[in-house]
């Protein structure tokens, strides 16, 4: 019988369990398409509503690295849609 590859979800939880109590965390940020300011400037009429802005991703990373997110471990943060 062929062994199945582990799903990323299991890997994230295994890493989160390993980090528990150490002060480190393991979380995943999930995005679809990313939109940058240059893309908006090149195509001002294009609808980017389903894209995630690079700034929003940076904000999410900064939040996860802050003391405010110290208790977040093993989470999946989904970012969809830009403003």
C-alpha atoms as a PDB file:
ATOM      1  CA  UNK A   1       0.000   0.000   0.000  1.00  0.00           C
ATOM      2  CA  UNK A   2       1.347   3.395  -0.987  1.00  0.00           C
ATOM      3  CA  UNK A   3       1.849   5.815   1.853  1.00  0.00           C
ATOM      4  CA  UNK A   4       0.100   9.176   1.494  1.00  0.00           C
ATOM      5  CA  UNK A   5       2.101  12.376   1.761  1.00  0.00           C
ATOM      6  CA  UNK A   6       1.327  14.427   4.852  1.00  0.00           C
ATOM      7  CA  UNK A   7      -1.001  17.345   4.263  1.00  0.00           C
ATOM      8  CA  UNK A   8       0.346  20.826   5.079  1.00  0.00           C
ATOM      9  CA  UNK A   9      -2.297  21.144   7.785  1.00  0.00           C
ATOM     10  CA  UNK A  10      -0.786  18.273   9.730  1.00  0.00           C
ATOM     11  CA  UNK A  11       2.699  19.709   9.312  1.00  0.00           C
ATOM     12  CA  UNK A  12       1.618  23.097  10.604  1.00  0.00           C
ATOM     13  CA  UNK A  13       0.038  21.532  13.662  1.00  0.00           C
ATOM     14  CA  UNK A  14       3.083  19.363  14.307  1.00  0.00           C
ATOM     15  CA  UNK A  15       5.325  22.427  14.173  1.00  0.00           C
ATOM     16  CA  UNK A  16       2.909  24.403  16.354  1.00  0.00           C
ATOM     17  CA  UNK A  17       2.935  21.576  18.907  1.00  0.00           C
ATOM     18  CA  UNK A  18       6.726  21.517  18.854  1.00  0.00           C
ATOM     19  CA  UNK A  19       6.862  25.282  19.486  1.00  0.00           C
ATOM     20  CA  UNK A  20       4.230  25.278  22.253  1.00  0.00           C
ATOM     21  CA  UNK A  21       5.642  26.874  25.384  1.00  0.00           C
ATOM     22  CA  UNK A  22       8.857  28.023  23.684  1.00  0.00           C
ATOM     23  CA  UNK A  23       7.782  31.575  22.826  1.00  0.00           C
ATOM     24  CA  UNK A  24       7.899  30.773  19.093  1.00  0.00           C
ATOM     25  CA  UNK A  25       4.792  30.189  16.974  1.00  0.00           C
ATOM     26  CA  UNK A  26       3.936  28.531  13.653  1.00  0.00           C
ATOM     27  CA  UNK A  27       1.145  30.109  11.625  1.00  0.00           C
ATOM     28  CA  UNK A  28       0.292  30.222   7.922  1.00  0.00           C
ATOM     29  CA  UNK A  29      -0.849  33.207   5.881  1.00  0.00           C
ATOM     30  CA  UNK A  30      -2.866  32.141   2.834  1.00  0.00           C
ATOM     31  CA  UNK A  31      -3.400  34.502  -0.086  1.00  0.00           C
ATOM     32  CA  UNK A  32      -4.628  34.142  -3.630  1.00  0.00           C
ATOM     33  CA  UNK A  33      -3.345  36.714  -6.078  1.00  0.00           C
ATOM     34  CA  UNK A  34      -1.281  39.643  -4.812  1.00  0.00           C
ATOM     35  CA  UNK A  35      -1.746  43.191  -6.082  1.00  0.00           C
ATOM     36  CA  UNK A  36       0.993  45.813  -5.837  1.00  0.00           C
ATOM     37  CA  UNK A  37       0.829  49.602  -6.214  1.00  0.00           C
ATOM     38  CA  UNK A  38       2.630  49.254  -9.565  1.00  0.00           C
ATOM     39  CA  UNK A  39      -0.056  46.882 -10.841  1.00  0.00           C
ATOM     40  CA  UNK A  40      -2.787  49.333  -9.817  1.00  0.00           C
ATOM     41  CA  UNK A  41      -0.936  52.175 -11.590  1.00  0.00           C
ATOM     42  CA  UNK A  42      -0.499  50.130 -14.776  1.00  0.00           C
ATOM     43  CA  UNK A  43      -4.156  49.045 -14.884  1.00  0.00           C
ATOM     44  CA  UNK A  44      -6.248  51.644 -13.033  1.00  0.00           C
ATOM     45  CA  UNK A  45      -9.527  50.342 -14.481  1.00  0.00           C
ATOM     46  CA  UNK A  46      -8.907  46.701 -13.600  1.00  0.00           C
ATOM     47  CA  UNK A  47     -10.964  45.160 -10.792  1.00  0.00           C
ATOM     48  CA  UNK A  48      -8.513  43.945  -8.149  1.00  0.00           C
ATOM     49  CA  UNK A  49     -11.219  43.222  -5.555  1.00  0.00           C
ATOM     50  CA  UNK A  50     -10.278  39.536  -5.313  1.00  0.00           C
ATOM     51  CA  UNK A  51      -6.549  40.279  -4.947  1.00  0.00           C
ATOM     52  CA  UNK A  52      -4.745  40.801  -1.655  1.00  0.00           C
ATOM     53  CA  UNK A  53      -2.604  43.894  -1.380  1.00  0.00           C
ATOM     54  CA  UNK A  54       1.086  43.557  -0.569  1.00  0.00           C
ATOM     55  CA  UNK A  55       0.514  46.044   2.258  1.00  0.00           C
ATOM     56  CA  UNK A  56      -2.195  43.856   3.800  1.00  0.00           C
ATOM     57  CA  UNK A  57       0.150  40.858   3.744  1.00  0.00           C
ATOM     58  CA  UNK A  58       2.912  42.932   5.355  1.00  0.00           C
ATOM     59  CA  UNK A  59       0.471  44.096   8.055  1.00  0.00           C
ATOM     60  CA  UNK A  60      -0.548  40.499   8.785  1.00  0.00           C
ATOM     61  CA  UNK A  61       3.097  39.433   9.085  1.00  0.00           C
ATOM     62  CA  UNK A  62       3.858  42.381  11.382  1.00  0.00           C
ATOM     63  CA  UNK A  63       0.859  41.473  13.531  1.00  0.00           C
ATOM     64  CA  UNK A  64       1.967  37.833  13.805  1.00  0.00           C
ATOM     65  CA  UNK A  65       5.434  38.988  14.871  1.00  0.00           C
ATOM     66  CA  UNK A  66       4.043  41.268  17.569  1.00  0.00           C
ATOM     67  CA  UNK A  67       3.464  40.546  21.229  1.00  0.00           C
ATOM     68  CA  UNK A  68      -0.283  40.853  20.567  1.00  0.00           C
ATOM     69  CA  UNK A  69      -0.162  37.576  18.609  1.00  0.00           C
ATOM     70  CA  UNK A  70       1.991  35.671  21.093  1.00  0.00           C
ATOM     71  CA  UNK A  71      -0.864  33.259  21.866  1.00  0.00           C
ATOM     72  CA  UNK A  72      -1.638  32.566  18.180  1.00  0.00           C
ATOM     73  CA  UNK A  73      -0.067  29.247  17.282  1.00  0.00           C
ATOM     74  CA  UNK A  74      -1.055  26.753  14.601  1.00  0.00           C
ATOM     75  CA  UNK A  75      -3.478  29.185  12.930  1.00  0.00           C
ATOM     76  CA  UNK A  76      -4.330  29.626   9.272  1.00  0.00           C
ATOM     77  CA  UNK A  77      -4.911  33.277   8.395  1.00  0.00           C
ATOM     78  CA  UNK A  78      -6.703  33.685   5.066  1.00  0.00           C
ATOM     79  CA  UNK A  79      -6.450  37.046   3.315  1.00  0.00           C
ATOM     80  CA  UNK A  80      -8.748  37.478   0.292  1.00  0.00           C
ATOM     81  CA  UNK A  81      -9.623  40.686  -1.449  1.00  0.00           C
ATOM     82  CA  UNK A  82      -7.984  44.082  -1.483  1.00  0.00           C
ATOM     83  CA  UNK A  83      -9.484  47.392  -0.600  1.00  0.00           C
END
